[in-house]
Protein backbone atom coordinates (compact mmCIF):
# COMPACT_ATOMS: atom_id res chain seq x y z
CA MET A 1 0.00 0.00 0.00
CA LYS A 2 1.32 3.44 -0.93
CA SER A 3 1.81 6.01 1.78
CA TYR A 4 1.18 9.73 1.42
CA ILE A 5 1.99 13.09 2.94
CA PHE A 6 -0.18 16.15 2.30
CA ASP A 7 1.08 19.62 1.53
CA THR A 8 -0.80 22.17 3.64
CA ASN A 9 -2.62 23.44 0.54
CA ILE A 10 -4.48 20.11 0.42
CA PHE A 11 -6.11 20.79 3.80
CA ASN A 12 -7.08 24.22 2.48
CA HIS A 13 -8.51 22.70 -0.68
CA ILE A 14 -10.59 20.13 1.21
CA THR A 15 -11.88 22.90 3.48
CA ASP A 16 -12.87 25.09 0.51
CA ASP A 17 -14.41 22.43 -1.76
CA LYS A 18 -17.76 21.53 -0.21
CA ASP A 19 -18.49 18.92 -2.91
CA ILE A 20 -15.39 16.83 -2.40
CA ASP A 21 -15.89 13.30 -1.08
CA ILE A 22 -12.93 12.52 1.15
CA THR A 23 -14.17 9.05 2.14
CA PRO A 24 -11.40 7.31 0.13
CA LEU A 25 -8.82 9.17 2.22
CA TYR A 26 -9.86 7.22 5.32
CA LYS A 27 -8.36 4.08 3.75
CA ILE A 28 -4.90 5.43 2.94
CA LYS A 29 -1.76 5.59 5.02
CA CYS A 30 -1.19 9.31 5.61
CA PHE A 31 1.66 11.08 7.35
CA VAL A 32 2.14 14.68 8.45
CA THR A 33 4.90 16.76 10.02
CA HIS A 34 4.53 19.60 12.48
CA ILE A 35 4.86 21.98 9.51
CA GLN A 36 1.32 21.44 8.20
CA TYR A 37 -0.21 21.89 11.65
CA ASP A 38 1.91 24.98 12.35
CA GLU A 39 0.88 26.57 9.04
CA ILE A 40 -2.78 25.94 9.83
CA GLN A 41 -2.33 27.52 13.28
CA GLN A 42 -0.93 30.66 11.63
CA THR A 43 -4.26 31.26 9.88
CA THR A 44 -5.46 34.61 11.25
CA ASP A 45 -9.18 34.11 10.57
CA ASN A 46 -10.42 32.17 13.62
CA THR A 47 -13.39 30.62 11.80
CA ARG A 48 -11.23 29.42 8.92
CA ARG A 49 -8.55 28.11 11.29
CA SER A 50 -11.21 26.15 13.16
CA ARG A 51 -12.48 24.63 9.89
CA LEU A 52 -8.92 23.75 8.84
CA ASP A 53 -8.27 22.15 12.24
CA LYS A 54 -11.39 20.03 11.81
CA VAL A 55 -10.23 18.77 8.41
CA PHE A 56 -6.67 18.23 9.65
CA PHE A 57 -7.77 16.06 12.58
CA LEU A 58 -10.55 14.33 10.64
CA LEU A 59 -8.08 12.51 8.40
CA PRO A 60 -6.24 9.51 9.84
CA GLN A 61 -2.56 10.36 10.08
CA LYS A 62 0.72 9.71 11.80
CA GLU A 63 3.15 12.52 12.60
CA ILE A 64 6.77 12.03 11.57
CA PRO A 65 9.78 14.34 12.01
CA THR A 66 11.05 16.44 9.13
CA LEU A 67 14.30 15.19 7.63
CA SER A 68 16.05 18.52 8.21
CA ALA A 69 15.82 21.32 10.75
CA VAL A 70 15.52 24.99 9.80
CA TYR A 71 16.09 27.70 12.40
CA GLY A 72 12.88 29.63 13.12
CA ILE A 73 10.67 26.96 11.55
CA SER A 74 11.52 23.55 12.97
CA ARG A 75 10.46 22.47 16.42
CA TYR A 76 12.77 20.70 18.82
CA GLY A 77 12.04 16.97 18.85
CA LYS A 78 10.05 17.17 15.62
CA ALA A 79 12.96 17.47 13.19
CA LYS A 80 16.06 15.47 12.38
CA TYR A 81 19.43 17.11 11.98
CA GLY A 82 20.74 15.71 8.71
CA ASN A 83 23.37 17.05 6.35
CA GLY A 84 20.85 19.24 4.52
CA GLU A 85 22.15 18.46 1.02
CA LEU A 86 18.81 17.30 -0.38
CA PHE A 87 17.06 20.22 1.32
CA LYS A 88 19.46 22.73 -0.29
CA LYS A 89 19.11 21.13 -3.73
CA MET A 90 15.31 21.09 -3.59
CA LEU A 91 15.09 24.62 -2.14
CA GLU A 92 17.35 26.05 -4.86
CA SER A 93 15.18 24.44 -7.52
CA LEU A 94 11.92 25.70 -5.98
CA ASN A 95 13.31 29.21 -5.47
CA LYS A 96 14.23 29.38 -9.16
CA LYS A 97 10.76 28.23 -10.20
CA ASN A 98 8.67 30.56 -8.05
CA LYS A 99 10.97 33.49 -7.29
CA ASN A 100 11.66 32.73 -3.61
CA LYS A 101 8.16 32.55 -2.14
CA PRO A 102 8.25 33.04 1.65
CA ASN A 103 6.92 29.55 2.45
CA ASN A 104 9.42 27.68 0.24
CA ARG A 105 11.49 26.41 3.17
CA LYS A 106 8.38 24.94 4.80
CA ASP A 107 7.28 23.34 1.53
CA ILE A 108 10.70 21.79 1.04
CA LEU A 109 10.78 20.44 4.59
CA ILE A 110 7.57 18.56 3.74
CA ALA A 111 8.80 17.46 0.29
CA GLU A 112 12.21 16.34 1.54
CA THR A 113 10.54 14.34 4.31
CA ALA A 114 8.27 12.71 1.73
CA PHE A 115 11.24 11.83 -0.45
CA ALA A 116 13.32 10.38 2.39
CA ASN A 117 10.43 8.27 3.68
CA GLN A 118 9.31 7.13 0.20
CA LEU A 119 5.96 8.87 0.60
CA THR A 120 3.93 10.33 -2.24
CA LEU A 121 3.61 14.09 -1.82
CA VAL A 122 0.05 15.27 -2.45
CA THR A 123 0.06 18.93 -3.49
CA HIS A 124 -1.69 21.45 -5.69
CA ASP A 125 1.48 23.53 -5.99
CA ILE A 126 2.73 22.82 -9.52
CA ASP A 127 6.21 24.15 -8.77
CA LEU A 128 6.60 21.93 -5.70
CA TYR A 129 5.21 18.98 -7.68
CA SER A 130 7.81 19.64 -10.37
CA VAL A 131 10.70 19.86 -7.89
CA MET A 132 9.63 16.63 -6.20
CA THR A 133 9.37 14.65 -9.41
CA LYS A 134 12.59 16.16 -10.81
CA CYS A 135 14.41 14.83 -7.73
CA GLY A 136 12.95 11.37 -8.34
CA GLY A 137 10.22 11.50 -5.71
CA ALA A 138 6.55 10.65 -6.14
CA SER A 139 3.92 13.38 -6.24
CA CYS A 140 0.28 13.76 -7.26
CA ASN A 141 -2.66 16.08 -6.74
CA LEU A 142 -5.68 15.39 -4.56
CA TYR A 143 -7.98 14.49 -7.45
CA HIS A 144 -5.52 11.93 -8.78
CA LEU A 145 -5.31 10.39 -5.32
CA LEU A 146 -9.09 10.28 -4.90
CA THR A 147 -9.57 8.52 -8.25
CA THR A 148 -6.81 5.94 -7.77
CA GLU A 149 -7.41 4.83 -4.19
């Protein structure tokens, strides 16, 4: 059975799309890092944050540490302290594609963790998808996942 990790934008997408049937997601093996939860908690609109929390905790999941640690982002005990080579390579590639978006380091922490744990990254960010597949990792969007599981 394949295992998956969701980019934070997937939780946003599920929250926004009232017609989406997420029942198939209850049958998959899903992992998260503290990054997705932390990004959701940074949502300033209390109502939206509450809805995102509901979706986040509704899906069966197991939390795993990120492969790398980044000062100001990573939480003690929730990140590994690797050599950072894959992180740097992936971050450089993503920065070139999307002109250094502020959340790139968080996205790469998720993608690098997916790659290292042989998880399929589920994202609606085409640039992140491209970086992941270019590095030899597996990636798909939510609709692909829902129609194949």
